Amino acid sequence: MGNCKQCGKEGTIEFDGFYFCCKTCKKLYCRDKLESGTIEERYVVELYNGKFLNSNFKLSTKIRSTIMNFIWLKENKPKLCVNCSKDLFEAHLEKDTFYNPFKEERFCSYKCHGEFEKQKLSERVKENFPEYHQKSKMTKFEKYGDENYTNRNKARDTYIRQYGVEHHLQKNFKNYQDLNKEFWEENFIEDGYFNFQACSEYHNINIDSLYSKLKEFKIEYKRKSKTQYEIYQFIKEKYDGEVILDDRTQIAPLELDIYVPELSFAIEYDGLFFHSEGYSDYFPNIDKKYHLTKTELCEERDIHLFHIFSNEWLDDKKRDIWKSKILYKLKKIEAKLNARDGEIRYIPTSEAQRFLEENHLQGYAQCSDKLGLYIKGELVSVMTFGKSRFKKGEIELIRFASKKYTIVRGAFNKMLSFFKNTEEKIISYGNRRWTYKENVYKGYQKTYKYSNINNIETTTINYFYFKDERELFSRVKFQKHKLSSLLNNFNKDLSESENMFLNGYRKIYDCGNYKFFL
């Protein structure tokens, strides 16, 4: 008998050398041990009863992943690493990490996985071409006294003489004479960052080869994702002012990927895998408010921050829309029209859908009323309305977009006034990943002086699921009651997120929305 280790009350349950007053305190103790990095079987067994993932113990995603994989390794085969025969359970305990439990072949490390794949390739050659393999060994032994002989220097000299390159894989390289450290440092490094895109195009060389050569040349450079640097280069080509990479002064200690100080404008490039959460040994899990926190810190300093998700930049249409938005912020849009020169009329769904898919990041959404602004016979702006998706008695302005790379002055005011009945309540949502609360509705407030325009609310953050970097799925599609028919492995005792994670999906959060009362 003794005092409860967790709460101090009288304890009657003995475990791990301590007393506990109830099972809940014992489980909380086990949770704390796991969270602190002490991954031991007795703590997992005490916590896991098939329902712990739905309890109120608030386990971190990493620990939940660890426990689920821990259980899989204890209950399923294989028990040994396919490559080195090391005990998988012990190997992973050493690192406090566990691989995805649904892989067919199990390895204790990425190194073993690579060695195994290489060995399998060698075995396939021996199996499919036994005579060739044996003859090759005999010839090498007769000529050089070593059945595994390779003369790399002779092969290199031959390729240089015949093709002007050191290796057959380099035959398609361009400007081979400039493939050296001095030329690269002089022409492809700017502000400490290596321009992968320019170097790749100059030499007709892939990114993997670039990394290999950078290591060979021992070139020091700051690491930046290729796409992030591409956005930076796009801005530098269009804008003459100062553009800062990796600014740590504005929202310290956090960083802004790209910052344009003269315009109080910043960009964050959010690669899906590195800005999300899920079960993975390689990709980190970030806090769900990470993106929102950066946005709020920027707003406090009157900085307009864009969050570009990587799937959007990989999509040709959406990348084009983002470029248009960036040029607008840089004040580099040349095509400018006046809404007063156009006429507004209701348009068919097909026309609205086609326009919004080309000019709005979120594309088309179901609506009842679709307005189009035409100038000289060309559709330049679209605004759509419908009953509020979230509250009865409200009309929602669902989409508004103007033609890419074009400023249509007064379009928002003119189209909203055309539709608006002063007795009706109209609301609209602006995605905080790119909407700055002072921008879109500022002109409307100034022109019509509606006092309730100041009533701006914020919504909770939203999230999406994905498996690869090209497509996001709405959380609505994967609500828990739908998962049994959508997933290969479904456990009713697990939450929606846990089931998704165990099936290879990851979850990424946005910044929520502004809710405007117009």
Protein backbone atom coordinates (compact mmCIF):
# COMPACT_ATOMS: atom_id res chain seq x y z
CA MET A 1 0.00 0.00 0.00
CA GLY A 2 1.14 3.53 -0.76
CA ASN A 3 0.22 6.82 -2.32
CA CYS A 4 -0.80 6.92 -5.99
CA LYS A 5 2.17 7.85 -8.17
CA GLN A 6 -0.08 9.94 -10.41
CA CYS A 7 -2.52 11.81 -8.17
CA GLY A 8 -1.29 11.24 -4.59
CA LYS A 9 -4.39 9.44 -3.33
CA GLU A 10 -4.21 6.12 -1.54
CA GLY A 11 -3.12 3.47 -4.03
CA THR A 12 -3.89 -0.26 -4.06
CA ILE A 13 -2.76 -1.23 -7.60
CA GLU A 14 0.95 -2.01 -7.83
CA PHE A 15 2.75 -1.55 -11.14
CA ASP A 16 6.32 -0.76 -12.20
CA GLY A 17 7.42 -0.39 -8.57
CA PHE A 18 4.70 2.22 -7.75
CA TYR A 19 1.14 2.26 -6.42
CA PHE A 20 -1.89 3.64 -8.28
CA CYS A 21 -5.40 4.39 -7.04
CA CYS A 22 -7.17 3.32 -10.26
CA LYS A 23 -6.63 1.97 -13.78
CA THR A 24 -6.88 5.46 -15.25
CA CYS A 25 -3.92 6.74 -13.22
CA LYS A 26 -1.93 3.67 -14.22
CA LYS A 27 -2.68 4.33 -17.90
CA LEU A 28 -1.77 8.01 -17.54
CA TYR A 29 1.54 6.96 -16.04
CA CYS A 30 2.17 4.63 -19.00
CA ARG A 31 1.26 7.41 -21.42
CA ASP A 32 3.76 9.76 -19.81
CA LYS A 33 6.50 7.13 -20.02
CA LEU A 34 5.85 6.57 -23.72
CA GLU A 35 5.70 10.31 -24.43
CA SER A 36 9.06 10.74 -22.69
CA GLY A 37 10.61 8.23 -25.11
CA THR A 38 10.65 5.13 -22.88
CA ILE A 39 9.20 2.63 -25.36
CA GLU A 40 8.78 -0.59 -23.38
CA GLU A 41 6.35 -3.41 -23.89
CA ARG A 42 4.73 -3.25 -20.44
CA TYR A 43 3.66 0.36 -20.99
CA VAL A 44 2.19 -0.40 -24.40
CA VAL A 45 0.31 -3.44 -23.10
CA GLU A 46 -1.21 -1.45 -20.22
CA LEU A 47 -2.33 1.37 -22.53
CA TYR A 48 -3.57 -0.68 -25.46
CA ASN A 49 -6.94 -2.34 -25.01
CA GLY A 50 -8.30 -1.84 -28.52
CA LYS A 51 -9.86 1.49 -27.53
CA PHE A 52 -7.06 3.62 -26.13
CA LEU A 53 -6.82 5.65 -29.36
CA ASN A 54 -10.35 6.96 -28.74
CA SER A 55 -9.74 7.80 -25.10
CA ASN A 56 -9.00 11.15 -23.51
CA PHE A 57 -5.33 10.40 -22.87
CA LYS A 58 -4.28 12.73 -25.71
CA LEU A 59 -1.43 10.69 -27.10
CA SER A 60 0.71 12.45 -29.68
CA THR A 61 0.55 11.26 -33.29
CA LYS A 62 4.10 9.94 -33.06
CA ILE A 63 3.31 7.79 -30.00
CA ARG A 64 0.06 6.53 -31.49
CA SER A 65 1.97 5.50 -34.60
CA THR A 66 4.68 3.87 -32.50
CA ILE A 67 2.18 1.86 -30.46
CA MET A 68 0.21 0.64 -33.47
CA ASN A 69 3.39 -0.48 -35.24
CA PHE A 70 4.70 -1.96 -31.97
CA ILE A 71 1.59 -4.13 -31.75
CA TRP A 72 1.84 -5.11 -35.41
CA LEU A 73 5.43 -6.25 -35.00
CA LYS A 74 4.52 -8.32 -31.92
CA GLU A 75 1.52 -9.99 -33.55
CA ASN A 76 2.60 -10.47 -37.17
CA LYS A 77 5.40 -11.99 -39.23
CA PRO A 78 8.14 -11.54 -40.36
CA LYS A 79 9.99 -11.14 -37.06
CA LEU A 80 13.43 -10.69 -38.62
CA CYS A 81 14.86 -8.16 -41.08
CA VAL A 82 14.65 -9.62 -44.59
CA ASN A 83 18.19 -8.47 -45.36
CA CYS A 84 20.31 -8.88 -42.22
CA SER A 85 18.06 -11.15 -40.07
CA LYS A 86 18.22 -8.71 -37.18
CA ASP A 87 15.23 -8.88 -34.83
CA LEU A 88 12.88 -6.18 -36.10
CA PHE A 89 11.30 -5.53 -32.76
CA GLU A 90 14.63 -4.94 -31.03
CA ALA A 91 16.01 -2.91 -33.97
CA HIS A 92 13.11 -0.50 -33.87
CA LEU A 93 13.12 -0.25 -30.10
CA GLU A 94 16.68 1.08 -30.38
CA LYS A 95 15.45 3.96 -32.55
CA ASP A 96 12.04 4.44 -30.85
CA THR A 97 10.49 4.40 -34.33
CA PHE A 98 8.51 1.87 -36.31
CA TYR A 99 7.87 1.55 -40.04
CA ASN A 100 4.50 1.49 -41.77
CA PRO A 101 2.82 -1.75 -40.58
CA PHE A 102 1.36 -2.61 -44.00
CA LYS A 103 4.60 -3.12 -45.98
CA GLU A 104 4.93 -6.65 -47.34
CA GLU A 105 8.71 -6.83 -46.77
CA ARG A 106 10.20 -5.71 -43.49
CA PHE A 107 13.59 -4.14 -42.91
CA CYS A 108 15.36 -2.78 -39.85
CA SER A 109 16.60 0.30 -41.75
CA TYR A 110 16.55 2.09 -45.10
CA LYS A 111 20.15 0.90 -45.60
CA CYS A 112 19.06 -2.74 -45.37
CA HIS A 113 16.18 -2.07 -47.74
CA GLY A 114 18.59 -0.64 -50.34
CA GLU A 115 21.08 -3.50 -49.96
CA PHE A 116 18.29 -6.06 -50.32
CA GLU A 117 16.99 -4.48 -53.55
CA LYS A 118 20.52 -4.41 -54.99
CA GLN A 119 21.05 -8.08 -54.11
CA LYS A 120 17.71 -9.04 -55.66
CA LEU A 121 18.77 -7.40 -58.94
CA SER A 122 22.05 -9.33 -58.92
CA GLU A 123 20.21 -12.59 -58.26
CA ARG A 124 17.79 -11.94 -61.12
CA VAL A 125 20.74 -11.51 -63.51
CA LYS A 126 22.25 -14.79 -62.34
CA GLU A 127 18.91 -16.57 -62.63
CA ASN A 128 17.93 -15.28 -66.08
CA PHE A 129 21.39 -15.21 -67.69
CA PRO A 130 23.42 -17.95 -65.95
CA GLU A 131 25.67 -18.70 -68.95
CA TYR A 132 26.49 -15.04 -69.53
CA HIS A 133 27.22 -14.50 -65.85
CA GLN A 134 29.56 -17.51 -65.62
CA LYS A 135 31.36 -16.74 -68.88
CA SER A 136 31.97 -13.16 -67.77
CA LYS A 137 33.61 -14.34 -64.57
CA MET A 138 35.80 -16.86 -66.42
CA THR A 139 36.97 -14.29 -68.97
CA LYS A 140 37.91 -11.79 -66.25
CA PHE A 141 39.82 -14.47 -64.35
CA GLU A 142 41.74 -15.57 -67.46
CA LYS A 143 42.68 -12.00 -68.46
CA TYR A 144 43.24 -10.33 -65.13
CA GLY A 145 43.40 -13.11 -62.53
CA ASP A 146 40.30 -11.73 -60.78
CA GLU A 147 36.76 -12.85 -61.65
CA ASN A 148 35.34 -9.58 -60.26
CA TYR A 149 37.84 -7.30 -62.08
CA THR A 150 36.68 -3.84 -63.24
CA ASN A 151 38.93 -1.26 -64.89
CA ARG A 152 37.10 1.98 -64.19
CA ASN A 153 39.97 4.18 -65.36
CA LYS A 154 40.15 2.45 -68.75
CA ALA A 155 36.37 2.73 -69.20
CA ARG A 156 36.49 6.40 -68.31
CA ASP A 157 39.33 7.10 -70.79
CA THR A 158 37.44 5.29 -73.55
CA TYR A 159 34.30 7.36 -73.02
CA ILE A 160 36.27 10.60 -72.90
CA ARG A 161 37.98 9.68 -76.19
CA GLN A 162 34.78 8.61 -77.99
CA TYR A 163 32.11 10.85 -76.46
CA GLY A 164 33.94 13.58 -74.55
CA VAL A 165 32.40 12.49 -71.23
CA GLU A 166 33.50 10.19 -68.40
CA HIS A 167 30.43 7.92 -68.26
CA HIS A 168 27.86 6.60 -70.72
CA LEU A 169 25.08 8.25 -68.72
CA GLN A 170 26.69 11.63 -69.45
CA LYS A 171 26.50 11.30 -73.25
CA ASN A 172 23.52 13.66 -73.41
CA PHE A 173 25.12 16.31 -71.22
CA LYS A 174 25.54 19.77 -72.72
CA ASN A 175 28.47 22.16 -72.17
CA TYR A 176 30.52 19.40 -70.57
CA GLN A 177 33.59 21.64 -70.52
CA ASP A 178 31.84 23.84 -67.93
CA LEU A 179 31.01 20.94 -65.63
CA ASN A 180 33.37 22.06 -62.87
CA LYS A 181 33.35 23.70 -59.46
CA GLU A 182 34.66 27.11 -60.54
CA PHE A 183 32.07 27.59 -63.31
CA TRP A 184 29.20 26.48 -61.09
CA GLU A 185 30.14 28.74 -58.19
CA GLU A 186 30.46 31.71 -60.53
CA ASN A 187 27.28 31.20 -62.55
CA PHE A 188 24.75 29.21 -60.53
CA ILE A 189 25.05 30.47 -56.95
CA GLU A 190 23.22 33.63 -55.95
CA ASP A 191 22.89 34.89 -52.39
CA GLY A 192 24.31 31.57 -51.26
CA TYR A 193 21.56 29.52 -53.00
CA PHE A 194 22.26 27.13 -55.85
CA ASN A 195 20.03 27.62 -58.93
CA PHE A 196 19.15 24.00 -59.70
CA GLN A 197 16.79 24.85 -62.55
CA ALA A 198 19.29 27.00 -64.49
CA CYS A 199 22.12 24.48 -64.02
CA SER A 200 19.90 21.58 -65.02
CA GLU A 201 18.85 23.30 -68.24
CA TYR A 202 22.39 24.47 -69.07
CA HIS A 203 23.89 20.97 -68.81
CA ASN A 204 20.78 18.90 -69.63
CA ILE A 205 21.34 17.12 -66.33
CA ASN A 206 18.79 15.72 -63.86
CA ILE A 207 18.47 16.81 -60.25
CA ASP A 208 19.94 13.59 -58.80
CA SER A 209 23.09 14.06 -60.89
CA LEU A 210 23.28 17.69 -59.74
CA TYR A 211 23.28 16.65 -56.10
CA SER A 212 25.97 14.06 -56.84
CA LYS A 213 28.17 16.61 -58.59
CA LEU A 214 27.68 19.21 -55.85
CA LYS A 215 28.91 16.65 -53.34
CA GLU A 216 31.83 15.71 -55.61
CA PHE A 217 32.83 19.36 -56.14
CA LYS A 218 32.37 20.07 -52.41
CA ILE A 219 30.35 23.18 -53.19
CA GLU A 220 28.78 24.81 -50.14
CA TYR A 221 25.31 26.24 -50.68
CA LYS A 222 22.12 26.94 -48.78
CA ARG A 223 19.46 24.30 -49.25
CA LYS A 224 16.20 25.41 -50.80
CA SER A 225 13.53 23.29 -52.49
CA LYS A 226 13.59 23.52 -56.26
CA THR A 227 10.02 24.83 -56.40
CA GLN A 228 10.59 27.40 -53.69
CA TYR A 229 13.59 28.72 -55.57
CA GLU A 230 11.52 28.71 -58.78
CA ILE A 231 8.98 31.03 -57.14
CA TYR A 232 11.81 33.24 -55.89
CA GLN A 233 13.30 33.42 -59.41
CA PHE A 234 9.87 34.27 -60.87
CA ILE A 235 9.56 37.22 -58.49
CA LYS A 236 13.12 38.40 -59.16
CA GLU A 237 12.46 38.40 -62.91
CA LYS A 238 9.34 40.57 -62.54
CA TYR A 239 10.27 42.82 -59.62
CA ASP A 240 13.27 45.14 -59.26
CA GLY A 241 13.04 45.74 -55.52
CA GLU A 242 14.53 43.75 -52.65
CA VAL A 243 13.43 40.12 -52.33
CA ILE A 244 14.63 38.18 -49.27
CA LEU A 245 14.92 34.42 -48.98
CA ASP A 246 14.45 32.79 -45.57
CA ASP A 247 13.72 35.95 -43.61
CA ARG A 248 13.95 35.40 -39.84
CA THR A 249 13.50 38.99 -38.71
CA GLN A 250 9.79 39.65 -39.21
CA ILE A 251 8.16 36.80 -37.26
CA ALA A 252 11.21 35.50 -35.36
CA PRO A 253 11.99 32.80 -34.50
CA LEU A 254 9.78 31.54 -37.34
CA GLU A 255 10.87 31.98 -40.94
CA LEU A 256 9.28 33.46 -44.06
CA ASP A 257 10.36 31.61 -47.21
CA ILE A 258 10.15 34.71 -49.42
CA TYR A 259 9.69 38.29 -48.21
CA VAL A 260 9.26 41.50 -50.20
CA PRO A 261 9.79 44.26 -47.59
CA GLU A 262 8.78 47.28 -49.69
CA LEU A 263 5.35 45.75 -50.36
CA SER A 264 4.87 44.00 -46.97
CA PHE A 265 4.27 40.81 -48.88
CA ALA A 266 5.49 37.27 -48.10
CA ILE A 267 5.14 33.75 -49.47
CA GLU A 268 5.30 30.38 -47.76
CA TYR A 269 5.75 27.34 -49.98
CA ASP A 270 4.15 24.44 -48.10
CA GLY A 271 5.31 21.07 -49.39
CA LEU A 272 2.50 18.68 -48.48
CA PHE A 273 4.63 15.94 -46.92
CA PHE A 274 6.74 18.29 -44.80
CA HIS A 275 3.77 20.42 -43.65
CA SER A 276 1.38 17.70 -42.53
CA GLU A 277 0.93 14.88 -40.04
CA GLY A 278 0.63 11.13 -40.32
CA TYR A 279 2.51 7.90 -39.66
CA SER A 280 5.98 8.14 -41.16
CA ASP A 281 9.59 7.52 -40.17
CA TYR A 282 10.84 10.12 -42.63
CA PHE A 283 8.46 13.07 -42.68
CA PRO A 284 7.95 15.19 -39.54
CA ASN A 285 4.59 15.98 -38.00
CA ILE A 286 3.86 19.68 -37.60
CA ASP A 287 1.44 21.35 -35.23
CA LYS A 288 -1.98 21.81 -36.78
CA LYS A 289 -1.88 25.57 -36.08
CA TYR A 290 1.54 26.04 -37.66
CA HIS A 291 0.23 27.69 -40.85
CA LEU A 292 -2.34 29.77 -38.98
CA THR A 293 0.27 30.98 -36.49
CA LYS A 294 2.45 32.34 -39.28
CA THR A 295 -0.53 34.05 -40.89
CA GLU A 296 -1.58 35.70 -37.62
CA LEU A 297 1.96 36.86 -36.83
CA CYS A 298 2.21 38.42 -40.29
CA GLU A 299 -1.16 40.15 -39.92
CA GLU A 300 -0.02 41.68 -36.65
CA ARG A 301 2.81 43.28 -38.63
CA ASP A 302 0.59 44.24 -41.61
CA ILE A 303 2.24 41.66 -43.86
CA HIS A 304 0.13 39.83 -46.41
CA LEU A 305 1.23 36.18 -46.44
CA PHE A 306 0.46 33.68 -49.22
CA HIS A 307 0.52 29.96 -48.36
CA ILE A 308 1.09 28.01 -51.58
CA PHE A 309 0.46 24.27 -51.20
CA SER A 310 2.81 22.19 -53.35
CA ASN A 311 -0.02 20.38 -55.16
CA GLU A 312 -1.22 23.76 -56.46
CA TRP A 313 2.15 24.70 -57.93
CA LEU A 314 2.42 21.26 -59.57
CA ASP A 315 -0.96 21.82 -61.27
CA ASP A 316 -0.55 23.89 -64.46
CA LYS A 317 -3.83 25.79 -64.07
CA LYS A 318 -3.43 26.58 -60.39
CA ARG A 319 0.22 27.54 -60.81
CA ASP A 320 -0.90 30.05 -63.41
CA ILE A 321 -3.51 31.47 -61.01
CA TRP A 322 -0.88 31.80 -58.28
CA LYS A 323 1.44 33.63 -60.65
CA SER A 324 -1.36 36.06 -61.44
CA LYS A 325 -1.96 36.65 -57.72
CA ILE A 326 1.76 37.21 -57.12
CA LEU A 327 2.01 39.71 -59.98
CA TYR A 328 -0.99 41.56 -58.56
CA LYS A 329 0.77 41.91 -55.21
CA LEU A 330 3.94 43.04 -57.00
CA LYS A 331 1.86 45.67 -58.86
CA LYS A 332 2.96 44.21 -62.18
CA ILE A 333 -0.43 43.52 -63.80
CA GLU A 334 -0.56 45.47 -67.05
CA ALA A 335 -4.07 44.65 -68.34
CA LYS A 336 -6.56 46.95 -66.57
CA LEU A 337 -10.27 47.31 -67.31
CA ASN A 338 -13.14 49.33 -65.82
CA ALA A 339 -16.31 47.56 -64.73
CA ARG A 340 -18.37 50.60 -65.66
CA ASP A 341 -17.60 49.82 -69.30
CA GLY A 342 -19.24 46.40 -69.09
CA GLU A 343 -22.63 44.80 -68.63
CA ILE A 344 -23.75 42.19 -66.10
CA ARG A 345 -25.99 39.29 -66.96
CA TYR A 346 -26.90 35.86 -65.61
CA ILE A 347 -24.83 33.11 -67.21
CA PRO A 348 -25.32 29.34 -67.60
CA THR A 349 -23.63 26.87 -65.28
CA SER A 350 -21.29 25.57 -67.99
CA GLU A 351 -19.89 29.04 -68.64
CA ALA A 352 -19.44 29.85 -64.95
CA GLN A 353 -17.80 26.49 -64.32
CA ARG A 354 -15.37 26.86 -67.20
CA PHE A 355 -14.37 30.39 -66.11
CA LEU A 356 -13.91 29.56 -62.42
CA GLU A 357 -11.88 26.42 -63.11
CA GLU A 358 -9.48 28.62 -65.09
CA ASN A 359 -9.38 31.62 -62.74
CA HIS A 360 -10.17 30.58 -59.15
CA LEU A 361 -7.91 28.40 -56.97
CA GLN A 362 -10.90 26.53 -55.53
CA GLY A 363 -12.59 26.10 -58.88
CA TYR A 364 -16.35 25.87 -59.28
CA ALA A 365 -18.79 25.18 -56.42
CA GLN A 366 -22.48 24.36 -56.53
CA CYS A 367 -24.61 27.53 -56.59
CA SER A 368 -28.02 28.85 -57.65
CA ASP A 369 -27.21 32.27 -59.15
CA LYS A 370 -24.31 32.96 -61.51
CA LEU A 371 -23.43 36.48 -62.66
CA GLY A 372 -21.01 37.36 -65.44
CA LEU A 373 -19.44 40.74 -66.24
CA TYR A 374 -18.81 41.26 -69.96
CA ILE A 375 -16.60 43.96 -71.42
CA LYS A 376 -16.58 44.23 -75.22
CA GLY A 377 -18.24 40.83 -75.44
CA GLU A 378 -15.61 39.06 -73.28
CA LEU A 379 -16.40 37.47 -69.91
CA VAL A 380 -13.96 39.08 -67.46
CA SER A 381 -15.50 38.45 -64.01
CA VAL A 382 -17.83 35.89 -62.42
CA MET A 383 -19.70 36.03 -59.10
CA THR A 384 -21.89 33.20 -57.80
CA PHE A 385 -24.45 33.00 -54.99
CA GLY A 386 -26.47 30.35 -53.19
CA LYS A 387 -28.16 29.52 -49.93
CA SER A 388 -25.65 29.41 -47.11
CA ARG A 389 -24.05 25.99 -46.77
CA PHE A 390 -23.84 26.37 -43.00
CA LYS A 391 -26.71 28.54 -41.74
CA LYS A 392 -30.34 28.95 -42.74
CA GLY A 393 -31.66 32.38 -43.64
CA GLU A 394 -28.39 33.58 -45.18
CA ILE A 395 -27.33 34.01 -48.77
CA GLU A 396 -23.72 33.21 -49.46
CA LEU A 397 -21.45 34.82 -51.99
CA ILE A 398 -19.72 31.57 -52.95
CA ARG A 399 -17.20 32.53 -55.63
CA PHE A 400 -15.78 35.71 -57.13
CA ALA A 401 -12.98 35.82 -59.68
CA SER A 402 -11.69 38.03 -62.45
CA LYS A 403 -9.71 36.98 -65.48
CA LYS A 404 -6.10 36.02 -64.73
CA TYR A 405 -3.44 38.69 -65.23
CA THR A 406 -6.18 41.32 -65.44
CA ILE A 407 -7.42 43.98 -63.03
CA VAL A 408 -11.11 44.76 -63.45
CA ARG A 409 -11.64 47.92 -61.42
CA GLY A 410 -14.95 48.05 -59.58
CA ALA A 411 -16.08 44.56 -60.65
CA PHE A 412 -16.76 43.33 -57.12
CA ASN A 413 -18.84 46.39 -56.15
CA LYS A 414 -20.80 46.48 -59.41
CA MET A 415 -21.70 42.78 -59.39
CA LEU A 416 -22.60 42.64 -55.70
CA SER A 417 -24.80 45.74 -56.02
CA PHE A 418 -26.52 44.21 -59.05
CA PHE A 419 -27.51 41.19 -56.96
CA LYS A 420 -27.88 42.65 -53.49
CA ASN A 421 -31.23 43.40 -51.89
CA THR A 422 -30.65 45.56 -48.80
CA GLU A 423 -33.17 43.43 -46.87
CA GLU A 424 -31.19 40.27 -47.48
CA LYS A 425 -28.29 39.10 -45.41
CA ILE A 426 -25.27 38.18 -47.49
CA ILE A 427 -22.18 36.50 -46.10
CA SER A 428 -18.98 35.33 -47.76
CA TYR A 429 -15.88 33.36 -46.81
CA GLY A 430 -12.30 34.22 -47.71
CA ASN A 431 -9.59 31.58 -47.43
CA ARG A 432 -6.89 32.93 -45.13
CA ARG A 433 -4.17 31.16 -47.08
CA TRP A 434 -4.37 34.03 -49.55
CA THR A 435 -7.12 36.45 -48.46
CA TYR A 436 -6.05 39.53 -46.53
CA LYS A 437 -9.03 40.91 -44.64
CA GLU A 438 -8.33 44.51 -45.70
CA ASN A 439 -8.11 43.79 -49.43
CA VAL A 440 -11.15 42.33 -51.13
CA TYR A 441 -13.95 44.12 -49.30
CA LYS A 442 -12.17 47.38 -48.56
CA GLY A 443 -13.49 49.10 -51.69
CA TYR A 444 -17.03 47.94 -51.03
CA GLN A 445 -16.93 49.30 -47.47
CA LYS A 446 -15.51 52.64 -48.63
CA THR A 447 -18.06 53.05 -51.40
CA TYR A 448 -21.24 51.98 -49.64
CA LYS A 449 -20.33 52.61 -45.98
CA TYR A 450 -22.17 49.56 -44.68
CA SER A 451 -21.36 49.48 -40.98
CA ASN A 452 -21.77 45.72 -40.65
CA ILE A 453 -18.92 45.12 -43.09
CA ASN A 454 -16.71 45.57 -40.02
CA ASN A 455 -18.25 42.48 -38.51
CA ILE A 456 -15.60 40.03 -39.65
CA GLU A 457 -15.31 36.64 -38.00
CA THR A 458 -12.81 33.84 -38.35
CA THR A 459 -13.60 30.14 -38.68
CA THR A 460 -11.70 27.18 -37.31
CA ILE A 461 -8.93 25.70 -39.42
CA ASN A 462 -9.86 23.10 -42.02
CA TYR A 463 -7.92 20.02 -43.07
CA PHE A 464 -7.42 17.78 -46.10
CA TYR A 465 -6.07 14.28 -46.73
CA PHE A 466 -3.62 13.20 -49.39
CA LYS A 467 -1.50 10.24 -50.48
CA ASP A 468 0.67 11.88 -53.11
CA GLU A 469 1.68 15.47 -53.73
CA ARG A 470 -0.73 16.13 -56.58
CA GLU A 471 -4.20 15.85 -55.07
CA LEU A 472 -5.92 16.89 -51.85
CA PHE A 473 -9.14 15.24 -50.68
CA SER A 474 -11.83 17.01 -48.67
CA ARG A 475 -12.32 15.77 -45.12
CA VAL A 476 -16.02 15.37 -45.96
CA LYS A 477 -15.19 12.52 -48.34
CA PHE A 478 -13.46 10.62 -45.54
CA GLN A 479 -15.83 11.04 -42.62
CA LYS A 480 -15.56 8.04 -40.34
CA HIS A 481 -18.94 6.51 -41.19
CA LYS A 482 -17.83 6.30 -44.85
CA LEU A 483 -14.40 4.73 -44.26
CA SER A 484 -15.38 1.05 -44.08
CA SER A 485 -16.22 1.12 -47.79
CA LEU A 486 -13.28 3.33 -48.81
CA LEU A 487 -10.26 1.88 -47.00
CA ASN A 488 -8.54 -1.48 -47.33
CA ASN A 489 -7.84 -1.61 -43.60
CA PHE A 490 -10.57 -0.22 -41.35
CA ASN A 491 -10.82 -0.51 -37.56
CA LYS A 492 -14.04 0.77 -36.01
CA ASP A 493 -12.25 1.34 -32.69
CA LEU A 494 -9.92 3.90 -34.24
CA SER A 495 -10.72 7.50 -35.08
CA GLU A 496 -11.13 8.87 -38.60
CA SER A 497 -7.57 10.24 -38.67
CA GLU A 498 -5.98 7.09 -37.26
CA ASN A 499 -7.67 4.91 -39.86
CA MET A 500 -6.53 7.27 -42.61
CA PHE A 501 -2.95 7.34 -41.30
CA LEU A 502 -2.78 3.55 -41.10
CA ASN A 503 -3.84 3.40 -44.76
CA GLY A 504 -1.00 5.64 -45.91
CA TYR A 505 -2.78 9.02 -45.93
CA ARG A 506 -1.49 12.22 -44.35
CA LYS A 507 -3.41 15.26 -43.08
CA ILE A 508 -2.59 18.90 -43.85
CA TYR A 509 -4.23 21.91 -42.18
CA ASP A 510 -5.01 25.29 -43.73
CA CYS A 511 -5.45 28.67 -42.00
CA GLY A 512 -9.24 28.72 -41.73
CA ASN A 513 -11.44 31.39 -43.32
CA TYR A 514 -12.62 34.92 -42.79
CA LYS A 515 -16.39 35.26 -42.62
CA PHE A 516 -17.56 38.60 -44.01
CA PHE A 517 -21.02 40.08 -43.44
CA LEU A 518 -21.78 42.21 -46.49
